[in-house]
Amino acid sequence: MTEWLMRQSGVTSSVTPDNNPSSRHIGLALLALATGGFAIGTTEFVTMGLLPQIAEGVDISIPTAGHIVSAYAIGVVVGAPLIAALGARTGRKRLLLGLMAVFVLGNVLSAVANSYELLMGARFLTGLPHGAFFGIGAVVGASMVPVNRRAWAVSMMMVGLPVANIIGVPLTTLLGQWLGWQFPFLAVGVLGLLTSVAVWFWVAPQPVGNDVNIRSELSALAKPQVWMALLIGMVGFGGMFATYSYIAPTMTELAGFSAAAVTIVLAVYGVGMTGGTLVGGRLADRALMPSLYGGLVAVTVVLGTFGWLAQSKAGALVGCSRWGSVRAS
């Protein structure tokens, strides 16, 4: 989806190839970016795994606690175009470091928030760098490889997000169950600092896009293909997140898992997501549009059958694995 939208909007024209970076340089740079994706994925999804604990901690109902997930999502939606406009003349490496600074601040504020209102504001702030980090990181990753490997480079940069669901989310969920829901946000703040260090040392200075201006970027909105891609993303991801936001109570109340076992369910989802990311990148390199259509059909089937599968523990695990794979691909 990302690669197709870039092609339709003409964004790929602003991706300037790096000056023949070595394989080691490419690997370290992608690792730095993937570390950021790991941190972002952890903070994005851990809220869903700890929703009952957060609701109890700030004295609200579980349905109301779901608004905290929405606050993060709104931050993502607002932050991506806002930061793109404000940072159009800023070097990509410097912008990545700035985004990580905001990310760290948002997580620290989330950890110390003692009310529903403060937590809502902190999560909104944390979500602001999300879209811009992945967008800029994708451009940086794509600029280091030949055109026919760009989808692969983007998938490697994005792999931190699904890996977070295998390791980061289950571990921080367990940490939150043991020590309190605030501690995972502090842990993610530390991950953000580590990402900043990795980006500082491993990502080469990136040029400012001299040929990029806001008017030319907004002109992409005149293309029906771009609106179609946005609509597909809104409907598809909206449906998935509307369900996944309440994954913890769904697993405990419908499937019959204990609260501690929710971490296993989250890890299974992450395994599927990681496999989907790796396979999806390869398929997009070979046949972009067929893989896109196939992914949309798979999302429809998986979400349509999940309610039935989640009525048993075995079915819930199968459903979460399939769900993770189609979400990533």
Protein backbone atom coordinates (compact mmCIF):
# COMPACT_ATOMS: atom_id res chain seq x y z
CA MET A 1 0.00 0.00 0.00
CA THR A 2 2.79 2.44 0.92
CA GLU A 3 4.76 1.77 -2.25
CA TRP A 4 1.65 2.06 -4.45
CA LEU A 5 0.58 5.34 -2.85
CA MET A 6 4.10 6.74 -3.32
CA ARG A 7 3.98 5.87 -7.01
CA GLN A 8 0.53 7.32 -7.60
CA SER A 9 1.31 10.60 -5.80
CA GLY A 10 4.69 11.02 -7.45
CA VAL A 11 6.56 11.00 -4.15
CA THR A 12 9.13 8.57 -5.50
CA SER A 13 10.47 11.33 -7.68
CA SER A 14 11.80 13.01 -4.57
CA VAL A 15 13.67 9.91 -3.41
CA THR A 16 17.28 10.67 -4.23
CA PRO A 17 19.55 7.62 -4.24
CA ASP A 18 22.37 7.67 -1.70
CA ASN A 19 25.91 7.71 -3.05
CA ASN A 20 26.54 3.96 -3.29
CA PRO A 21 26.35 3.08 0.40
CA SER A 22 27.97 -0.19 1.47
CA SER A 23 25.92 -3.18 2.51
CA ARG A 24 27.08 -2.70 6.11
CA HIS A 25 26.03 0.95 6.06
CA ILE A 26 22.62 0.03 4.66
CA GLY A 27 22.15 -2.68 7.28
CA LEU A 28 23.03 -0.43 10.21
CA ALA A 29 20.87 2.42 8.94
CA LEU A 30 17.89 0.11 8.45
CA LEU A 31 18.51 -1.34 11.92
CA ALA A 32 18.41 2.15 13.43
CA LEU A 33 15.14 2.89 11.66
CA ALA A 34 13.70 -0.51 12.59
CA THR A 35 14.58 0.19 16.23
CA GLY A 36 12.45 3.30 16.03
CA GLY A 37 9.67 1.27 14.46
CA PHE A 38 10.01 -1.24 17.29
CA ALA A 39 9.61 1.51 19.89
CA ILE A 40 6.65 3.06 18.08
CA GLY A 41 4.95 -0.30 17.58
CA THR A 42 5.40 -1.14 21.24
CA THR A 43 3.84 2.07 22.53
CA GLU A 44 1.05 1.89 19.95
CA PHE A 45 -0.11 -1.62 20.84
CA VAL A 46 0.75 -1.96 24.53
CA THR A 47 -2.13 0.34 25.43
CA MET A 48 -4.53 -2.23 23.99
CA GLY A 49 -3.00 -5.07 25.99
CA LEU A 50 -3.26 -3.06 29.23
CA LEU A 51 -6.64 -1.45 28.62
CA PRO A 52 -8.30 -2.99 31.73
CA GLN A 53 -5.39 -1.93 33.97
CA ILE A 54 -5.35 1.60 32.53
CA ALA A 55 -9.11 1.89 32.99
CA GLU A 56 -8.79 0.91 36.63
CA GLY A 57 -5.76 3.15 37.15
CA VAL A 58 -7.45 6.37 36.02
CA ASP A 59 -10.90 5.32 37.25
CA ILE A 60 -12.79 5.01 33.96
CA SER A 61 -14.71 2.25 32.18
CA ILE A 62 -13.05 -0.01 29.61
CA PRO A 63 -15.09 1.47 26.72
CA THR A 64 -13.98 4.95 27.80
CA ALA A 65 -10.38 3.74 28.04
CA GLY A 66 -10.65 2.92 24.35
CA HIS A 67 -10.67 6.67 23.75
CA ILE A 68 -7.01 6.67 24.80
CA VAL A 69 -6.28 4.50 21.77
CA SER A 70 -8.25 6.96 19.66
CA ALA A 71 -6.22 9.89 21.03
CA TYR A 72 -3.03 8.24 19.79
CA ALA A 73 -4.62 7.56 16.40
CA ILE A 74 -5.75 11.18 16.08
CA GLY A 75 -2.20 12.25 16.85
CA VAL A 76 -0.99 10.04 14.00
CA VAL A 77 -3.50 11.55 11.57
CA VAL A 78 -2.75 15.14 12.58
CA GLY A 79 1.00 14.72 12.91
CA ALA A 80 1.80 13.19 9.52
CA PRO A 81 0.66 16.10 7.29
CA LEU A 82 1.55 18.76 9.86
CA ILE A 83 5.12 17.58 10.27
CA ALA A 84 5.44 17.05 6.51
CA ALA A 85 4.53 20.71 6.00
CA LEU A 86 6.67 22.13 8.80
CA GLY A 87 9.67 19.89 8.07
CA ALA A 88 9.72 20.14 4.28
CA ARG A 89 12.96 22.15 4.37
CA THR A 90 14.61 20.19 7.16
CA GLY A 91 17.20 17.47 6.63
CA ARG A 92 15.70 14.02 7.03
CA LYS A 93 18.16 12.87 9.69
CA ARG A 94 17.58 15.97 11.79
CA LEU A 95 13.84 15.54 11.41
CA LEU A 96 14.03 11.91 12.51
CA LEU A 97 15.90 12.98 15.65
CA GLY A 98 13.32 15.66 16.37
CA LEU A 99 10.50 13.17 15.97
CA MET A 100 12.15 10.83 18.44
CA ALA A 101 12.49 13.68 20.95
CA VAL A 102 8.73 14.31 20.79
CA PHE A 103 8.12 10.57 21.02
CA VAL A 104 10.21 10.23 24.18
CA LEU A 105 8.50 13.24 25.78
CA GLY A 106 5.04 11.85 25.01
CA ASN A 107 5.83 8.50 26.59
CA VAL A 108 7.28 10.05 29.73
CA LEU A 109 4.19 12.24 30.09
CA SER A 110 2.01 9.15 29.59
CA ALA A 111 3.82 7.43 32.44
CA VAL A 112 3.32 10.30 34.90
CA ALA A 113 -0.26 11.15 33.87
CA ASN A 114 -2.59 10.74 36.85
CA SER A 115 -5.89 11.51 35.16
CA TYR A 116 -7.86 10.53 32.08
CA GLU A 117 -7.52 14.01 30.55
CA LEU A 118 -3.75 14.18 31.01
CA LEU A 119 -3.30 10.68 29.62
CA MET A 120 -5.42 11.57 26.58
CA GLY A 121 -3.19 14.59 25.89
CA ALA A 122 0.00 12.60 26.40
CA ARG A 123 -1.11 9.86 24.02
CA PHE A 124 -2.08 12.42 21.40
CA LEU A 125 1.42 13.93 21.67
CA THR A 126 3.03 10.49 21.42
CA GLY A 127 1.11 9.74 18.24
CA LEU A 128 2.22 12.90 16.43
CA PRO A 129 5.62 11.53 15.24
CA HIS A 130 4.25 8.11 14.23
CA GLY A 131 3.27 8.63 10.60
CA ALA A 132 6.06 11.07 9.84
CA PHE A 133 8.73 8.73 11.25
CA PHE A 134 7.62 5.83 9.08
CA GLY A 135 7.15 8.07 6.05
CA ILE A 136 10.56 9.70 6.33
CA GLY A 137 12.19 6.43 7.33
CA ALA A 138 10.73 4.76 4.24
CA VAL A 139 12.18 7.49 2.01
CA VAL A 140 15.58 7.20 3.71
CA GLY A 141 15.59 3.42 3.35
CA ALA A 142 14.47 3.54 -0.28
CA SER A 143 17.17 6.06 -1.14
CA MET A 144 19.93 3.60 -0.21
CA VAL A 145 19.01 0.80 -2.63
CA PRO A 146 18.24 0.33 -6.35
CA VAL A 147 14.69 0.95 -7.53
CA ASN A 148 13.88 -2.76 -7.79
CA ARG A 149 14.74 -3.25 -4.08
CA ARG A 150 12.91 -0.27 -2.63
CA ALA A 151 9.88 -2.26 -1.46
CA TRP A 152 12.27 -4.66 0.28
CA ALA A 153 14.13 -1.80 1.99
CA VAL A 154 10.86 -0.27 3.16
CA SER A 155 9.69 -3.63 4.53
CA MET A 156 13.00 -4.02 6.40
CA MET A 157 12.60 -0.54 7.88
CA MET A 158 9.01 -1.43 8.86
CA VAL A 159 9.91 -4.81 10.35
CA GLY A 160 10.47 -3.22 13.76
CA LEU A 161 6.73 -2.62 13.97
CA PRO A 162 5.65 -6.29 13.77
CA VAL A 163 8.64 -7.47 15.81
CA ALA A 164 7.38 -5.15 18.54
CA ASN A 165 4.25 -7.29 18.65
CA ILE A 166 6.31 -10.44 19.24
CA ILE A 167 8.69 -9.09 21.87
CA GLY A 168 7.96 -5.50 22.86
CA VAL A 169 4.20 -5.62 23.40
CA PRO A 170 4.07 -8.95 25.30
CA LEU A 171 7.01 -7.99 27.54
CA THR A 172 5.75 -4.50 28.29
CA THR A 173 2.24 -5.88 28.87
CA LEU A 174 3.71 -8.33 31.36
CA LEU A 175 5.70 -5.49 32.91
CA GLY A 176 2.53 -3.44 33.23
CA GLN A 177 0.67 -6.32 34.86
CA TRP A 178 3.46 -6.79 37.41
CA LEU A 179 4.56 -3.24 38.21
CA GLY A 180 1.75 -1.01 36.97
CA TRP A 181 0.58 0.31 33.61
CA GLN A 182 2.89 3.36 33.81
CA PHE A 183 6.14 1.39 33.59
CA PRO A 184 5.77 0.24 29.96
CA PHE A 185 5.65 3.86 28.83
CA LEU A 186 8.89 4.60 30.69
CA ALA A 187 10.50 1.55 29.07
CA VAL A 188 9.41 2.73 25.63
CA GLY A 189 10.85 6.16 26.39
CA VAL A 190 14.22 4.48 26.93
CA LEU A 191 13.81 2.70 23.58
CA GLY A 192 13.21 6.09 22.00
CA LEU A 193 16.47 7.38 23.43
CA LEU A 194 18.33 4.33 22.08
CA THR A 195 16.78 4.97 18.67
CA SER A 196 18.03 8.54 18.73
CA VAL A 197 21.56 7.35 19.45
CA ALA A 198 21.37 4.74 16.66
CA VAL A 199 20.04 7.26 14.14
CA TRP A 200 22.73 9.77 15.13
CA PHE A 201 25.57 7.32 14.51
CA TRP A 202 24.25 5.03 11.79
CA VAL A 203 22.06 7.11 9.50
CA ALA A 204 24.07 9.29 7.13
CA PRO A 205 23.15 12.98 6.81
CA GLN A 206 20.21 13.25 4.46
CA PRO A 207 19.73 16.06 1.92
CA VAL A 208 16.86 18.49 2.07
CA GLY A 209 14.40 17.90 -0.76
CA ASN A 210 15.07 20.98 -2.89
CA ASP A 211 12.41 19.99 -5.37
CA VAL A 212 9.75 19.53 -2.69
CA ASN A 213 7.22 22.19 -1.78
CA ILE A 214 3.88 21.99 -0.05
CA ARG A 215 1.87 22.99 -3.11
CA SER A 216 3.38 20.27 -5.27
CA GLU A 217 2.87 17.68 -2.54
CA LEU A 218 -0.78 18.68 -2.04
CA SER A 219 -1.35 18.46 -5.78
CA ALA A 220 -1.27 14.69 -5.36
CA LEU A 221 -4.69 14.99 -3.72
CA ALA A 222 -6.12 15.82 -7.15
CA LYS A 223 -5.46 12.23 -8.23
CA PRO A 224 -8.36 9.80 -7.72
CA GLN A 225 -5.88 6.97 -7.13
CA VAL A 226 -4.55 8.73 -4.02
CA TRP A 227 -8.04 9.19 -2.59
CA MET A 228 -8.81 5.56 -3.33
CA ALA A 229 -5.69 4.47 -1.45
CA LEU A 230 -6.59 6.70 1.50
CA LEU A 231 -10.15 5.37 1.53
CA ILE A 232 -8.94 1.77 1.45
CA GLY A 233 -6.56 2.47 4.32
CA MET A 234 -9.21 4.28 6.35
CA VAL A 235 -11.81 1.53 6.00
CA GLY A 236 -9.39 -1.39 6.31
CA PHE A 237 -7.28 -0.15 9.19
CA GLY A 238 -10.29 1.46 10.86
CA GLY A 239 -12.03 -1.90 11.00
CA MET A 240 -8.95 -3.69 12.27
CA PHE A 241 -8.16 -1.17 15.01
CA ALA A 242 -11.79 -0.88 16.10
CA THR A 243 -11.55 -4.57 16.97
CA TYR A 244 -7.93 -4.80 18.12
CA SER A 245 -8.33 -1.89 20.55
CA TYR A 246 -10.35 -4.24 22.75
CA ILE A 247 -8.26 -7.36 22.20
CA ALA A 248 -7.52 -7.84 25.93
CA PRO A 249 -11.14 -7.95 27.14
CA THR A 250 -12.11 -9.98 24.05
CA MET A 251 -9.54 -12.64 24.89
CA THR A 252 -10.40 -12.78 28.59
CA GLU A 253 -14.19 -12.53 28.39
CA LEU A 254 -14.93 -14.30 25.08
CA ALA A 255 -12.07 -16.72 24.43
CA GLY A 256 -11.53 -17.53 28.12
CA PHE A 257 -7.84 -16.61 28.49
CA SER A 258 -6.48 -15.36 31.80
CA ALA A 259 -5.14 -11.81 31.95
CA ALA A 260 -1.57 -13.13 32.09
CA ALA A 261 -2.14 -15.29 29.00
CA VAL A 262 -3.06 -12.24 26.93
CA THR A 263 0.67 -11.69 26.43
CA ILE A 264 0.84 -15.02 24.56
CA VAL A 265 -2.02 -13.95 22.30
CA LEU A 266 -0.24 -10.67 21.55
CA ALA A 267 2.96 -12.56 20.71
CA VAL A 268 1.07 -14.85 18.31
CA TYR A 269 -0.37 -11.79 16.60
CA GLY A 270 3.14 -10.37 16.33
CA VAL A 271 4.54 -13.55 14.77
CA GLY A 272 1.87 -13.39 12.10
CA MET A 273 2.53 -9.69 11.57
CA THR A 274 6.27 -10.23 11.14
CA GLY A 275 5.75 -12.99 8.60
CA GLY A 276 3.25 -10.86 6.73
CA THR A 277 5.66 -7.94 6.58
CA LEU A 278 8.53 -10.00 5.18
CA VAL A 279 6.39 -11.87 2.66
CA GLY A 280 4.45 -8.75 1.70
CA GLY A 281 7.60 -6.84 0.83
CA ARG A 282 8.77 -9.62 -1.50
CA LEU A 283 5.37 -9.94 -3.15
CA ALA A 284 5.15 -6.19 -3.70
CA ASP A 285 8.52 -6.24 -5.47
CA ARG A 286 7.30 -8.98 -7.83
CA ALA A 287 3.66 -7.99 -8.43
CA LEU A 288 2.45 -4.91 -6.58
CA MET A 289 -1.21 -4.66 -7.60
CA PRO A 290 -2.08 -8.38 -7.39
CA SER A 291 -0.54 -8.53 -3.90
CA LEU A 292 -2.54 -5.45 -2.90
CA TYR A 293 -5.84 -6.93 -4.10
CA GLY A 294 -5.05 -10.26 -2.48
CA GLY A 295 -4.27 -8.55 0.81
CA LEU A 296 -7.59 -6.70 0.80
CA VAL A 297 -9.50 -9.93 0.20
CA ALA A 298 -7.56 -11.61 3.01
CA VAL A 299 -8.37 -8.78 5.44
CA THR A 300 -12.07 -9.13 4.65
CA VAL A 301 -12.04 -12.88 5.24
CA VAL A 302 -10.01 -12.70 8.46
CA LEU A 303 -12.06 -9.95 10.09
CA GLY A 304 -15.29 -11.57 8.95
CA THR A 305 -14.45 -14.86 10.67
CA PHE A 306 -12.62 -13.56 13.76
CA GLY A 307 -15.71 -13.22 15.95
CA TRP A 308 -16.53 -16.87 15.36
CA LEU A 309 -12.94 -18.06 15.89
CA ALA A 310 -12.49 -16.03 19.09
CA GLN A 311 -15.11 -18.10 20.91
CA SER A 312 -12.45 -20.69 21.74
CA LYS A 313 -8.81 -20.43 22.79
CA ALA A 314 -7.46 -22.41 19.85
CA GLY A 315 -9.59 -20.50 17.39
CA ALA A 316 -8.54 -17.18 18.90
CA LEU A 317 -4.85 -18.05 18.45
CA VAL A 318 -5.42 -19.06 14.83
CA GLY A 319 -7.44 -15.92 14.20
CA CYS A 320 -4.85 -13.62 15.78
CA SER A 321 -2.03 -15.18 13.76
CA ARG A 322 -3.94 -14.75 10.50
CA TRP A 323 -5.02 -11.27 11.53
CA GLY A 324 -1.45 -10.17 12.17
CA SER A 325 -0.22 -11.53 8.84
CA VAL A 326 -2.87 -9.80 6.72
CA ARG A 327 -2.57 -6.54 8.67
CA ALA A 328 1.13 -6.30 7.86
CA SER A 329 0.97 -7.48 4.25
